[in-house]
Amino acid sequence: MPDVVARSNSPVFVLFPLIKCESMKCTVAKNCKFKLLVLICLSFQVYASVPAETGDLQSYLNGITFGAEDDGQFKIPAPAQLVDFENVVNLVLRENYEQANTQAQSLDYELVAYTDTVSTNLYYILRETNLIPSPLANGGGIYLFQPSATYNVAIHAPHPRADSYTNKEAISAFMRSDVRYFMMAGAHRRSHPDPSSCQDFSDYRPSDAVHNAAHYFYVAHKAMEDFDNTIQYIELHGYGSASFETIASQCDTGGNLAVANISETISDNDAAEHTMMHSLESVISDAGEFKACIYSTILDTGPDDKYTRYLGGSTNTLARYTNGSPSVCNQSALIENNSHRYVHVEQSWEIRSDSANREVMAGYIYQAIQHYYDGKPFEMNAGLNDAWYDPETNGQGFFITIFPDLGLASLAWFTYDTELPPEDAVSNLGDPGHRWLLGLGPIDGNKAVLDVSVTSGGLFDTPTDFTEVSDGQIILTFDSCNSGTVEYDITSIGQTGIVPIVRVVDDNIVLCEALRYE
């Protein structure tokens, strides 16, 4: 493995330049200026005991070795160790890095804050303190977290030695795709001689990261899925010549030997649905260099279409968990519970064995991620919470708040009466023509229909009885994180219209974009 360039226990903000708010997902506070200050203050408390390293991350990952079949390097974790490891991953996900590192050490793991010298990106690496070929290694795998990444995607390499070169391909896809998570198994899938603890998987070994529930790989995935059930997973596998013959007999490969068989580990039943799997198939097919087939026992009509009934990954324990199986060892997930978030990619030798082809596939994966997220309809999220206005009517505006958990949007419209008040009109506070309208209603995608109300009878900073009356409807619509419309129909004045709105300041755009890619 390559030498580490630098290692330190110093506070992380001394070692690394401050990241501008525009380039990271900030959830500490609503105002980006405040976020930066909070992050600086927290760096002493959260990162002080987390070792820091710098180096070429891709080279570091490519230098990891995995042993061989029947080498016995994989150690089956005890039930208590599985619980502890899941807790460690949860701590990392919640950015409690110091405590995660402390607890990881009892499992012969450590958490490292690693700055890649090529991209300058900061990653958190949960890794074994002893790697294969050390006799102290346990083969539990390596786990990377990049919380500031754009895309809420995890790249998996569960069979890095047995499915030759998929580790290098997965590493390349992770490094170029700006995604948040990476998981790579630590031992050969057949390292351990015993059968898997999963009853239905007697042909598999405990060291097989995706056919066993008693594995750090499984509990890490479980922790991530429980933490955030919007993560998209892309898992890379490989198949041999015998499997290629079966796939070629079911899918029209056109004589191409570079074939990817893609599935969601559940039979595809809707060719038009916008999913990550379909995005990947579309990108590969449009490029024309490789052939992409899709696993579907429903849509497959014969050897002249793009569908197969083979290598669908339906026994994958991680995918079963994501897709709602009540028993990941014994029961496949049901088609009606398909989350469409777990993409299982089986690849022929021609794709995996050639370094140039691996880079091409890594590029396709990144394009598919972009294709999927850019093609998703815009949906309201809490990153829209802000002050908004129409520059043509400066001096008026809106406070908008989105409550995703409640499925509600609220709006306060600060505006004026339809006519100027008489010149002799007076008020003790503010302009006599000021008006304030309230709106509240359910969210439906990028739109919310709000019931408008107007209050009267109150006094400044005084508990008084007030009257609230309904006064029409507002349709609030957003087409991006920085533009929307307020379509109003105000009953009392008999007026309708549409107000185009933008943010007063753009601090929260970065949060909105990050939440959009959840």
Protein backbone atom coordinates (compact mmCIF):
# COMPACT_ATOMS: atom_id res chain seq x y z
CA MET A 1 0.00 0.00 0.00
CA PRO A 2 1.23 3.55 -0.69
CA ASP A 3 2.84 5.58 2.05
CA VAL A 4 0.71 8.09 3.88
CA VAL A 5 1.79 11.62 3.05
CA ALA A 6 0.81 13.20 6.34
CA ARG A 7 -0.92 12.20 9.55
CA SER A 8 -1.86 14.39 12.48
CA ASN A 9 -4.17 14.62 15.47
CA SER A 10 -4.39 18.41 15.10
CA PRO A 11 -7.79 20.10 14.71
CA VAL A 12 -9.04 19.59 11.20
CA PHE A 13 -9.47 23.27 10.39
CA VAL A 14 -5.72 23.80 10.87
CA LEU A 15 -4.89 21.14 8.30
CA PHE A 16 -7.53 21.86 5.68
CA PRO A 17 -8.73 25.10 4.09
CA LEU A 18 -12.24 26.19 4.99
CA ILE A 19 -14.79 25.04 2.47
CA LYS A 20 -17.06 27.72 1.06
CA CYS A 21 -20.70 27.27 1.96
CA GLU A 22 -21.62 27.08 -1.71
CA SER A 23 -19.70 23.80 -2.06
CA MET A 24 -21.08 21.87 0.88
CA LYS A 25 -24.31 20.65 2.41
CA CYS A 26 -24.84 22.72 5.54
CA THR A 27 -27.55 21.79 7.99
CA VAL A 28 -26.21 23.47 11.13
CA ALA A 29 -28.04 26.75 10.61
CA LYS A 30 -30.18 28.48 8.03
CA ASN A 31 -27.77 31.33 7.27
CA CYS A 32 -24.62 30.27 5.43
CA LYS A 33 -22.50 32.89 7.17
CA PHE A 34 -23.54 31.49 10.51
CA LYS A 35 -22.91 27.92 9.32
CA LEU A 36 -19.29 28.66 8.59
CA LEU A 37 -18.74 30.11 12.04
CA VAL A 38 -20.43 27.13 13.70
CA LEU A 39 -18.36 24.65 11.73
CA ILE A 40 -15.13 26.40 12.76
CA CYS A 41 -16.13 26.28 16.42
CA LEU A 42 -17.12 22.61 16.23
CA SER A 43 -13.87 21.50 14.65
CA PHE A 44 -12.07 21.49 18.02
CA GLN A 45 -14.79 19.44 19.68
CA VAL A 46 -15.73 16.98 16.94
CA TYR A 47 -12.50 16.32 15.07
CA ALA A 48 -9.77 16.84 17.65
CA SER A 49 -9.27 13.10 18.34
CA VAL A 50 -9.81 11.87 14.78
CA PRO A 51 -6.52 11.12 13.00
CA ALA A 52 -6.00 13.11 9.81
CA GLU A 53 -4.21 11.92 6.69
CA THR A 54 -3.50 13.29 3.23
CA GLY A 55 -2.63 11.38 0.09
CA ASP A 56 -3.83 10.08 -3.25
CA LEU A 57 -7.05 8.36 -2.16
CA GLN A 58 -7.59 6.39 -5.35
CA SER A 59 -4.08 4.95 -5.18
CA TYR A 60 -4.57 4.17 -1.50
CA LEU A 61 -7.80 2.25 -2.15
CA ASN A 62 -6.35 0.42 -5.14
CA GLY A 63 -3.49 -0.76 -2.93
CA ILE A 64 -5.75 -2.76 -0.62
CA THR A 65 -5.49 -6.55 -0.91
CA PHE A 66 -8.21 -9.10 -0.17
CA GLY A 67 -6.59 -12.50 0.24
CA ALA A 68 -7.74 -15.63 -1.56
CA GLU A 69 -10.33 -18.38 -1.53
CA ASP A 70 -10.21 -20.58 1.60
CA ASP A 71 -7.46 -18.49 3.22
CA GLY A 72 -9.45 -18.16 6.46
CA GLN A 73 -8.67 -14.44 6.73
CA PHE A 74 -12.32 -13.53 7.25
CA LYS A 75 -13.38 -13.68 10.90
CA ILE A 76 -17.08 -14.09 11.65
CA PRO A 77 -18.15 -11.19 13.93
CA ALA A 78 -19.88 -12.02 17.19
CA PRO A 79 -23.46 -10.73 17.56
CA ALA A 80 -22.31 -8.04 20.00
CA GLN A 81 -19.64 -6.90 17.53
CA LEU A 82 -22.25 -6.53 14.80
CA VAL A 83 -24.33 -4.32 17.09
CA ASP A 84 -21.26 -2.27 18.00
CA PHE A 85 -20.23 -1.83 14.37
CA GLU A 86 -23.71 -0.68 13.41
CA ASN A 87 -23.52 1.86 16.22
CA VAL A 88 -20.16 3.11 14.96
CA VAL A 89 -21.56 3.63 11.46
CA ASN A 90 -24.52 5.47 12.95
CA LEU A 91 -22.15 7.81 14.78
CA VAL A 92 -20.27 8.55 11.57
CA LEU A 93 -23.51 9.24 9.72
CA ARG A 94 -24.48 11.68 12.44
CA GLU A 95 -21.03 13.29 12.16
CA ASN A 96 -20.07 12.35 15.71
CA TYR A 97 -16.60 11.46 14.50
CA GLU A 98 -14.67 11.50 17.76
CA GLN A 99 -17.02 9.06 19.48
CA ALA A 100 -17.15 6.88 16.37
CA ASN A 101 -13.37 6.60 16.32
CA THR A 102 -13.26 5.80 20.03
CA GLN A 103 -15.84 3.01 19.75
CA ALA A 104 -14.35 1.64 16.53
CA GLN A 105 -11.06 0.85 18.23
CA SER A 106 -12.61 -1.95 20.29
CA LEU A 107 -13.47 -3.61 16.96
CA ASP A 108 -9.95 -3.15 15.57
CA TYR A 109 -11.22 -0.33 13.35
CA GLU A 110 -10.38 3.35 13.20
CA LEU A 111 -11.91 6.46 11.68
CA VAL A 112 -9.61 8.73 9.69
CA ALA A 113 -10.24 12.18 8.22
CA TYR A 114 -8.56 11.82 4.83
CA THR A 115 -7.92 14.68 2.41
CA ASP A 116 -7.39 13.54 -1.16
CA THR A 117 -4.47 15.45 -2.67
CA VAL A 118 -5.87 15.08 -6.19
CA SER A 119 -9.38 16.47 -5.64
CA THR A 120 -8.73 18.22 -2.27
CA ASN A 121 -11.99 16.64 -1.06
CA LEU A 122 -12.32 15.52 2.56
CA TYR A 123 -13.46 11.95 3.28
CA TYR A 124 -14.01 9.99 6.47
CA ILE A 125 -12.65 6.46 6.21
CA LEU A 126 -13.77 3.70 8.57
CA ARG A 127 -11.12 1.00 8.13
CA GLU A 128 -9.51 -1.96 9.84
CA THR A 129 -6.38 -1.21 11.81
CA ASN A 130 -4.92 -4.43 10.40
CA LEU A 131 -5.53 -5.27 6.76
CA ILE A 132 -4.99 -8.50 4.87
CA PRO A 133 -2.45 -10.17 4.72
CA SER A 134 -1.94 -9.44 8.43
CA PRO A 135 -3.06 -12.43 10.56
CA LEU A 136 -4.83 -9.86 12.77
CA ALA A 137 -7.11 -8.75 9.93
CA ASN A 138 -10.80 -9.62 10.18
CA GLY A 139 -11.81 -8.91 6.56
CA GLY A 140 -14.72 -6.71 7.53
CA GLY A 141 -14.29 -4.17 4.75
CA ILE A 142 -13.65 -0.45 4.32
CA TYR A 143 -16.29 2.31 4.40
CA LEU A 144 -15.98 5.87 3.09
CA PHE A 145 -18.17 8.88 3.80
CA GLN A 146 -18.12 12.19 1.95
CA PRO A 147 -20.89 14.22 3.61
CA SER A 148 -20.37 17.28 1.40
CA ALA A 149 -20.86 15.35 -1.86
CA THR A 150 -23.67 16.31 -4.20
CA TYR A 151 -25.33 12.97 -4.84
CA ASN A 152 -26.96 10.79 -2.20
CA VAL A 153 -25.55 7.59 -3.68
CA ALA A 154 -23.53 4.65 -2.35
CA ILE A 155 -21.15 2.63 -4.55
CA HIS A 156 -20.62 -0.99 -3.45
CA ALA A 157 -17.87 -3.48 -4.27
CA PRO A 158 -18.90 -6.61 -2.32
CA HIS A 159 -16.76 -9.16 -4.20
CA PRO A 160 -13.52 -7.29 -4.90
CA ARG A 161 -11.34 -10.36 -5.46
CA ALA A 162 -13.78 -12.98 -6.75
CA ASP A 163 -15.43 -10.62 -9.26
CA SER A 164 -12.10 -9.57 -10.67
CA TYR A 165 -11.39 -5.85 -11.10
CA THR A 166 -14.78 -4.72 -9.80
CA ASN A 167 -12.95 -3.14 -6.87
CA LYS A 168 -10.90 -0.92 -9.20
CA GLU A 169 -13.97 -0.07 -11.25
CA ALA A 170 -16.03 0.79 -8.17
CA ILE A 171 -13.20 2.94 -6.79
CA SER A 172 -12.97 4.83 -10.07
CA ALA A 173 -16.75 5.34 -10.17
CA PHE A 174 -16.73 6.63 -6.61
CA MET A 175 -13.84 9.02 -7.13
CA ARG A 176 -15.33 10.65 -10.20
CA SER A 177 -19.04 10.67 -9.32
CA ASP A 178 -19.28 13.11 -6.37
CA VAL A 179 -21.30 10.64 -4.27
CA ARG A 180 -21.49 10.34 -0.50
CA TYR A 181 -20.74 6.71 0.28
CA PHE A 182 -18.45 3.86 -0.72
CA MET A 183 -18.30 0.33 0.68
CA MET A 184 -15.79 -2.38 -0.26
CA ALA A 185 -15.60 -5.84 1.28
CA GLY A 186 -12.33 -6.78 2.96
CA ALA A 187 -11.90 -10.44 2.06
CA HIS A 188 -12.51 -12.94 -0.73
CA ARG A 189 -16.18 -13.94 -0.81
CA ARG A 190 -15.12 -17.58 -0.21
CA SER A 191 -12.41 -16.84 2.34
CA HIS A 192 -14.20 -18.64 5.17
CA PRO A 193 -14.82 -22.42 4.77
CA ASP A 194 -18.21 -22.58 6.53
CA PRO A 195 -21.61 -22.00 4.91
CA SER A 196 -23.36 -18.66 5.33
CA SER A 197 -25.50 -18.24 8.44
CA CYS A 198 -28.44 -17.39 6.19
CA GLN A 199 -30.50 -20.57 5.86
CA ASP A 200 -31.27 -20.12 2.17
CA PHE A 201 -27.63 -19.47 1.33
CA SER A 202 -25.94 -22.76 2.08
CA ASP A 203 -24.01 -22.43 -1.20
CA TYR A 204 -22.48 -19.18 0.03
CA ARG A 205 -19.89 -18.48 2.72
CA PRO A 206 -19.97 -16.18 5.78
CA SER A 207 -17.34 -14.06 4.03
CA ASP A 208 -19.75 -13.26 1.19
CA ALA A 209 -20.68 -9.67 1.97
CA VAL A 210 -24.11 -9.71 0.29
CA HIS A 211 -25.28 -13.23 1.15
CA ASN A 212 -24.94 -13.06 4.89
CA ALA A 213 -26.51 -10.98 7.63
CA ALA A 214 -23.66 -11.62 10.11
CA HIS A 215 -21.24 -9.35 8.28
CA TYR A 216 -20.06 -5.78 8.89
CA PHE A 217 -20.97 -5.00 5.27
CA TYR A 218 -24.61 -5.88 5.94
CA VAL A 219 -24.96 -3.99 9.22
CA ALA A 220 -23.23 -0.92 7.72
CA HIS A 221 -25.79 -0.94 4.92
CA LYS A 222 -28.59 -1.45 7.43
CA ALA A 223 -27.40 1.57 9.43
CA MET A 224 -27.27 3.71 6.31
CA GLU A 225 -30.69 2.61 5.14
CA ASP A 226 -32.23 3.23 8.57
CA PHE A 227 -30.53 6.63 8.69
CA ASP A 228 -31.71 7.73 5.25
CA ASN A 229 -34.13 5.69 3.13
CA THR A 230 -33.57 7.86 0.05
CA ILE A 231 -30.02 6.68 -0.68
CA GLN A 232 -29.48 5.16 -4.13
CA TYR A 233 -27.17 2.12 -4.25
CA ILE A 234 -25.08 0.97 -7.22
CA GLU A 235 -23.37 -2.37 -6.72
CA LEU A 236 -20.81 -3.80 -9.15
CA HIS A 237 -20.41 -7.51 -9.89
CA GLY A 238 -18.93 -9.72 -12.57
CA TYR A 239 -19.85 -12.97 -14.33
CA GLY A 240 -17.95 -15.55 -16.35
CA SER A 241 -18.17 -17.19 -19.76
CA ALA A 242 -20.85 -19.74 -18.84
CA SER A 243 -23.15 -17.02 -17.54
CA PHE A 244 -22.42 -14.95 -20.62
CA GLU A 245 -23.80 -17.70 -22.84
CA THR A 246 -27.03 -17.73 -20.85
CA ILE A 247 -27.38 -13.95 -20.98
CA ALA A 248 -26.62 -13.86 -24.70
CA SER A 249 -29.32 -16.47 -25.29
CA GLN A 250 -31.93 -14.31 -23.54
CA CYS A 251 -30.90 -10.74 -24.44
CA ASP A 252 -30.11 -9.38 -27.90
CA THR A 253 -26.43 -8.54 -27.39
CA GLY A 254 -25.81 -7.96 -31.09
CA GLY A 255 -22.62 -9.99 -30.85
CA ASN A 256 -21.11 -7.54 -28.36
CA LEU A 257 -18.97 -9.25 -25.73
CA ALA A 258 -19.01 -6.26 -23.37
CA VAL A 259 -22.39 -6.81 -21.74
CA ALA A 260 -23.83 -5.42 -18.49
CA ASN A 261 -26.84 -7.18 -17.02
CA ILE A 262 -28.62 -4.63 -14.81
CA SER A 263 -31.32 -5.24 -12.23
CA GLU A 264 -32.99 -3.81 -9.15
CA THR A 265 -32.80 -7.35 -7.68
CA ILE A 266 -36.53 -7.46 -8.41
CA SER A 267 -38.05 -8.04 -11.83
CA ASP A 268 -38.54 -4.81 -13.79
CA ASN A 269 -42.21 -4.30 -14.58
CA ASP A 270 -42.29 -0.76 -16.01
CA ALA A 271 -39.90 0.09 -18.83
CA ALA A 272 -40.87 3.77 -18.78
CA GLU A 273 -40.35 4.42 -15.07
CA HIS A 274 -37.69 7.00 -14.17
CA THR A 275 -35.25 5.01 -12.02
CA MET A 276 -31.50 4.80 -11.56
CA MET A 277 -31.49 1.40 -13.27
CA HIS A 278 -33.21 2.76 -16.37
CA SER A 279 -30.91 5.78 -16.37
CA LEU A 280 -27.85 3.50 -16.43
CA GLU A 281 -29.32 1.30 -19.15
CA SER A 282 -30.17 4.39 -21.20
CA VAL A 283 -26.70 5.90 -20.87
CA ILE A 284 -24.97 2.64 -21.85
CA SER A 285 -27.33 1.96 -24.76
CA ASP A 286 -27.11 5.50 -26.12
CA ALA A 287 -23.31 5.38 -26.10
CA GLY A 288 -23.34 2.12 -28.09
CA GLU A 289 -19.94 0.83 -26.93
CA PHE A 290 -21.32 -1.77 -24.51
CA LYS A 291 -24.57 -3.68 -24.46
CA ALA A 292 -26.99 -3.26 -21.54
CA CYS A 293 -29.61 -5.86 -20.63
CA ILE A 294 -32.25 -5.56 -17.89
CA TYR A 295 -33.42 -8.31 -15.58
CA SER A 296 -37.17 -8.85 -15.95
CA THR A 297 -39.13 -12.07 -15.78
CA ILE A 298 -42.20 -9.96 -16.64
CA LEU A 299 -41.11 -7.93 -19.67
CA ASP A 300 -38.85 -10.56 -21.26
CA THR A 301 -40.44 -11.82 -24.48
CA GLY A 302 -37.55 -13.71 -26.01
CA PRO A 303 -33.96 -13.51 -27.22
CA ASP A 304 -34.58 -10.48 -29.46
CA ASP A 305 -35.32 -7.97 -26.70
CA LYS A 306 -33.16 -6.31 -24.03
CA TYR A 307 -34.44 -8.38 -21.09
CA THR A 308 -33.04 -11.40 -19.27
CA ARG A 309 -34.31 -13.79 -16.61
CA TYR A 310 -30.86 -14.43 -15.20
CA LEU A 311 -28.43 -12.97 -12.63
CA GLY A 312 -31.03 -10.69 -11.09
CA GLY A 313 -29.42 -10.63 -7.64
CA SER A 314 -32.68 -11.54 -5.89
CA THR A 315 -30.83 -13.28 -3.02
CA ASN A 316 -28.81 -10.16 -2.16
CA THR A 317 -29.37 -9.55 1.57
CA LEU A 318 -28.65 -5.82 1.38
CA ALA A 319 -31.08 -5.31 -1.48
CA ARG A 320 -33.68 -7.40 0.31
CA TYR A 321 -33.40 -5.11 3.34
CA THR A 322 -33.77 -1.98 1.21
CA ASN A 323 -36.74 -3.49 -0.59
CA GLY A 324 -38.63 -4.42 2.55
CA SER A 325 -38.08 -8.16 2.91
CA PRO A 326 -39.30 -9.28 6.36
CA SER A 327 -36.49 -11.86 6.48
CA VAL A 328 -33.40 -11.10 4.41
CA CYS A 329 -32.07 -14.63 4.79
CA ASN A 330 -35.22 -16.46 3.86
CA GLN A 331 -37.53 -14.30 1.77
CA SER A 332 -37.13 -12.36 -1.44
CA ALA A 333 -38.54 -8.86 -1.56
CA LEU A 334 -41.94 -8.49 -3.19
CA ILE A 335 -42.30 -6.63 -6.47
CA GLU A 336 -44.82 -4.21 -4.94
CA ASN A 337 -42.19 -3.23 -2.35
CA ASN A 338 -39.49 -2.42 -4.90
CA SER A 339 -37.80 0.78 -3.73
CA HIS A 340 -36.11 1.23 -7.13
CA ARG A 341 -33.02 2.30 -5.20
CA TYR A 342 -30.78 -0.77 -5.38
CA VAL A 343 -29.04 -1.27 -8.73
CA HIS A 344 -27.21 -4.57 -9.18
CA VAL A 345 -24.81 -4.53 -12.15
CA GLU A 346 -23.39 -7.82 -13.47
CA GLN A 347 -20.60 -7.34 -16.03
CA SER A 348 -18.85 -9.54 -18.51
CA TRP A 349 -15.10 -10.13 -18.44
CA GLU A 350 -14.59 -7.83 -21.41
CA ILE A 351 -15.80 -4.83 -19.40
CA ARG A 352 -13.98 -5.63 -16.17
CA SER A 353 -10.63 -6.88 -17.41
CA ASP A 354 -9.74 -3.92 -19.61
CA SER A 355 -8.66 -0.79 -17.72
CA ALA A 356 -9.98 1.51 -20.44
CA ASN A 357 -13.36 -0.23 -20.40
CA ARG A 358 -13.50 0.04 -16.61
CA GLU A 359 -13.01 3.79 -16.91
CA VAL A 360 -15.72 3.94 -19.56
CA MET A 361 -18.14 2.10 -17.26
CA ALA A 362 -17.22 4.36 -14.35
CA GLY A 363 -18.04 7.30 -16.59
CA TYR A 364 -21.38 5.75 -17.54
CA ILE A 365 -22.23 5.35 -13.86
CA TYR A 366 -21.55 9.04 -13.21
CA GLN A 367 -23.60 10.02 -16.25
CA ALA A 368 -26.45 7.78 -15.06
CA ILE A 369 -26.39 9.42 -11.62
CA GLN A 370 -26.59 12.85 -13.23
CA HIS A 371 -29.26 11.67 -15.67
CA TYR A 372 -31.36 10.25 -12.86
CA TYR A 373 -31.24 13.26 -10.55
CA ASP A 374 -31.48 15.90 -13.25
CA GLY A 375 -34.49 14.09 -14.68
CA LYS A 376 -36.34 13.95 -11.37
CA PRO A 377 -39.26 16.38 -11.10
CA PHE A 378 -38.50 19.20 -8.71
CA GLU A 379 -40.05 18.71 -5.29
CA MET A 380 -40.39 21.19 -2.46
CA ASN A 381 -37.93 20.80 0.40
CA ALA A 382 -36.84 22.70 3.51
CA GLY A 383 -34.06 24.41 1.54
CA LEU A 384 -36.77 26.68 0.11
CA ASN A 385 -37.38 28.21 3.55
CA ASP A 386 -36.43 31.83 2.94
CA ALA A 387 -37.48 35.38 2.08
CA TRP A 388 -38.71 35.71 -1.52
CA TYR A 389 -39.80 38.64 -3.68
CA ASP A 390 -40.50 39.94 -7.17
CA PRO A 391 -37.73 42.43 -8.12
CA GLU A 392 -40.35 44.41 -10.07
CA THR A 393 -42.27 45.12 -6.84
CA ASN A 394 -39.37 45.72 -4.48
CA GLY A 395 -40.60 46.58 -0.97
CA GLN A 396 -43.09 43.71 -0.96
CA GLY A 397 -42.33 40.04 -0.47
CA PHE A 398 -42.96 36.64 1.05
CA PHE A 399 -41.70 34.51 3.91
CA ILE A 400 -42.08 30.89 2.81
CA THR A 401 -41.65 27.84 5.04
CA ILE A 402 -41.82 24.21 3.89
CA PHE A 403 -42.58 21.48 6.44
CA PRO A 404 -41.69 18.23 4.60
CA ASP A 405 -42.52 15.94 7.53
CA LEU A 406 -45.97 17.50 7.81
CA GLY A 407 -46.46 17.79 4.06
CA LEU A 408 -47.38 21.45 4.45
CA ALA A 409 -46.24 24.81 3.09
CA SER A 410 -46.89 28.17 4.73
CA LEU A 411 -46.60 31.66 3.30
CA ALA A 412 -46.72 35.16 4.74
CA TRP A 413 -47.24 37.87 2.11
CA PHE A 414 -46.18 41.37 3.08
CA THR A 415 -47.85 43.73 0.62
CA TYR A 416 -50.10 46.81 0.34
CA ASP A 417 -53.74 47.69 -0.18
CA THR A 418 -55.09 48.00 -3.74
CA GLU A 419 -55.29 51.78 -3.40
CA LEU A 420 -53.12 54.32 -1.64
CA PRO A 421 -54.60 55.46 1.68
CA PRO A 422 -55.80 59.09 1.95
CA GLU A 423 -53.01 61.56 2.48
CA ASP A 424 -54.38 62.40 5.92
CA ALA A 425 -54.55 58.72 6.98
CA VAL A 426 -52.34 58.04 9.98
CA SER A 427 -51.09 55.02 11.89
CA ASN A 428 -48.97 54.73 15.00
CA LEU A 429 -46.67 52.12 13.45
CA GLY A 430 -45.86 51.64 9.80
CA ASP A 431 -47.71 52.68 6.70
CA PRO A 432 -51.54 52.68 6.83
CA GLY A 433 -51.55 50.82 3.53
CA HIS A 434 -49.56 47.81 4.76
CA ARG A 435 -51.29 44.43 4.37
CA TRP A 436 -50.33 41.00 5.60
CA LEU A 437 -51.83 37.79 4.15
CA LEU A 438 -51.28 34.25 5.43
CA GLY A 439 -51.42 31.00 3.48
CA LEU A 440 -51.25 27.34 4.54
CA GLY A 441 -51.82 24.17 2.54
CA PRO A 442 -50.64 20.68 1.53
CA ILE A 443 -47.60 20.03 -0.66
CA ASP A 444 -47.89 18.01 -3.85
CA GLY A 445 -44.48 17.68 -5.51
CA ASN A 446 -43.35 21.14 -6.58
CA LYS A 447 -46.72 22.73 -5.86
CA ALA A 448 -48.86 23.64 -2.85
CA VAL A 449 -52.43 24.96 -2.79
CA LEU A 450 -52.75 27.37 0.14
CA ASP A 451 -55.87 28.70 1.81
CA VAL A 452 -55.46 32.45 2.32
CA SER A 453 -56.54 34.18 5.51
CA VAL A 454 -56.41 37.77 6.79
CA THR A 455 -56.32 38.77 10.45
CA SER A 456 -57.55 41.97 12.06
CA GLY A 457 -58.23 43.40 15.48
CA GLY A 458 -54.80 42.92 17.03
CA LEU A 459 -52.52 45.53 18.64
CA PHE A 460 -48.73 45.73 18.64
CA ASP A 461 -47.16 43.47 21.27
CA THR A 462 -50.44 43.28 23.16
CA PRO A 463 -52.60 40.22 23.93
CA THR A 464 -55.91 41.00 22.24
CA ASP A 465 -58.73 39.15 20.58
CA PHE A 466 -58.36 39.08 16.80
CA THR A 467 -60.40 37.99 13.85
CA GLU A 468 -59.18 35.67 11.10
CA VAL A 469 -61.21 35.32 7.92
CA SER A 470 -60.66 33.25 4.78
CA ASP A 471 -59.85 35.29 1.72
CA GLY A 472 -59.16 33.12 -1.30
CA GLN A 473 -56.44 30.82 -2.49
CA ILE A 474 -52.77 30.82 -3.52
CA ILE A 475 -51.05 28.22 -5.67
CA LEU A 476 -47.36 28.21 -4.76
CA THR A 477 -45.11 26.57 -7.37
CA PHE A 478 -41.34 26.10 -7.57
CA ASP A 479 -39.47 25.01 -10.68
CA SER A 480 -36.00 25.25 -9.12
CA CYS A 481 -34.20 26.18 -5.91
CA ASN A 482 -34.19 29.86 -6.90
CA SER A 483 -37.38 30.53 -8.79
CA GLY A 484 -41.10 30.05 -8.37
CA THR A 485 -44.50 31.64 -8.77
CA VAL A 486 -47.30 32.78 -6.48
CA GLU A 487 -50.62 32.47 -8.29
CA TYR A 488 -53.28 34.27 -6.28
CA ASP A 489 -57.06 34.56 -6.24
CA ILE A 490 -58.04 37.02 -3.48
CA THR A 491 -61.77 36.97 -2.83
CA SER A 492 -62.20 40.29 -1.01
CA ILE A 493 -60.72 42.38 -3.83
CA GLY A 494 -61.81 40.17 -6.72
CA GLN A 495 -58.29 40.04 -8.16
CA THR A 496 -56.22 37.21 -9.64
CA GLY A 497 -52.68 37.18 -10.90
CA ILE A 498 -49.26 35.51 -10.90
CA VAL A 499 -46.18 36.87 -9.11
CA PRO A 500 -42.78 35.47 -10.22
CA ILE A 501 -40.49 35.15 -7.19
CA VAL A 502 -36.76 34.73 -6.49
CA ARG A 503 -34.83 34.69 -3.23
CA VAL A 504 -33.83 37.91 -1.52
CA VAL A 505 -30.41 36.31 -0.85
CA ASP A 506 -29.09 33.01 -2.18
CA ASP A 507 -27.54 31.54 1.00
CA ASN A 508 -29.91 28.57 1.17
CA ILE A 509 -29.63 27.48 -2.46
CA VAL A 510 -26.83 25.05 -1.57
CA LEU A 511 -29.00 23.39 1.08
CA CYS A 512 -31.96 23.20 -1.30
CA GLU A 513 -29.84 21.57 -4.00
CA ALA A 514 -28.42 19.09 -1.51
CA LEU A 515 -31.89 18.14 -0.29
CA ARG A 516 -33.08 17.87 -3.87
CA TYR A 517 -30.56 15.06 -4.42
CA GLU A 518 -31.61 13.13 -1.32
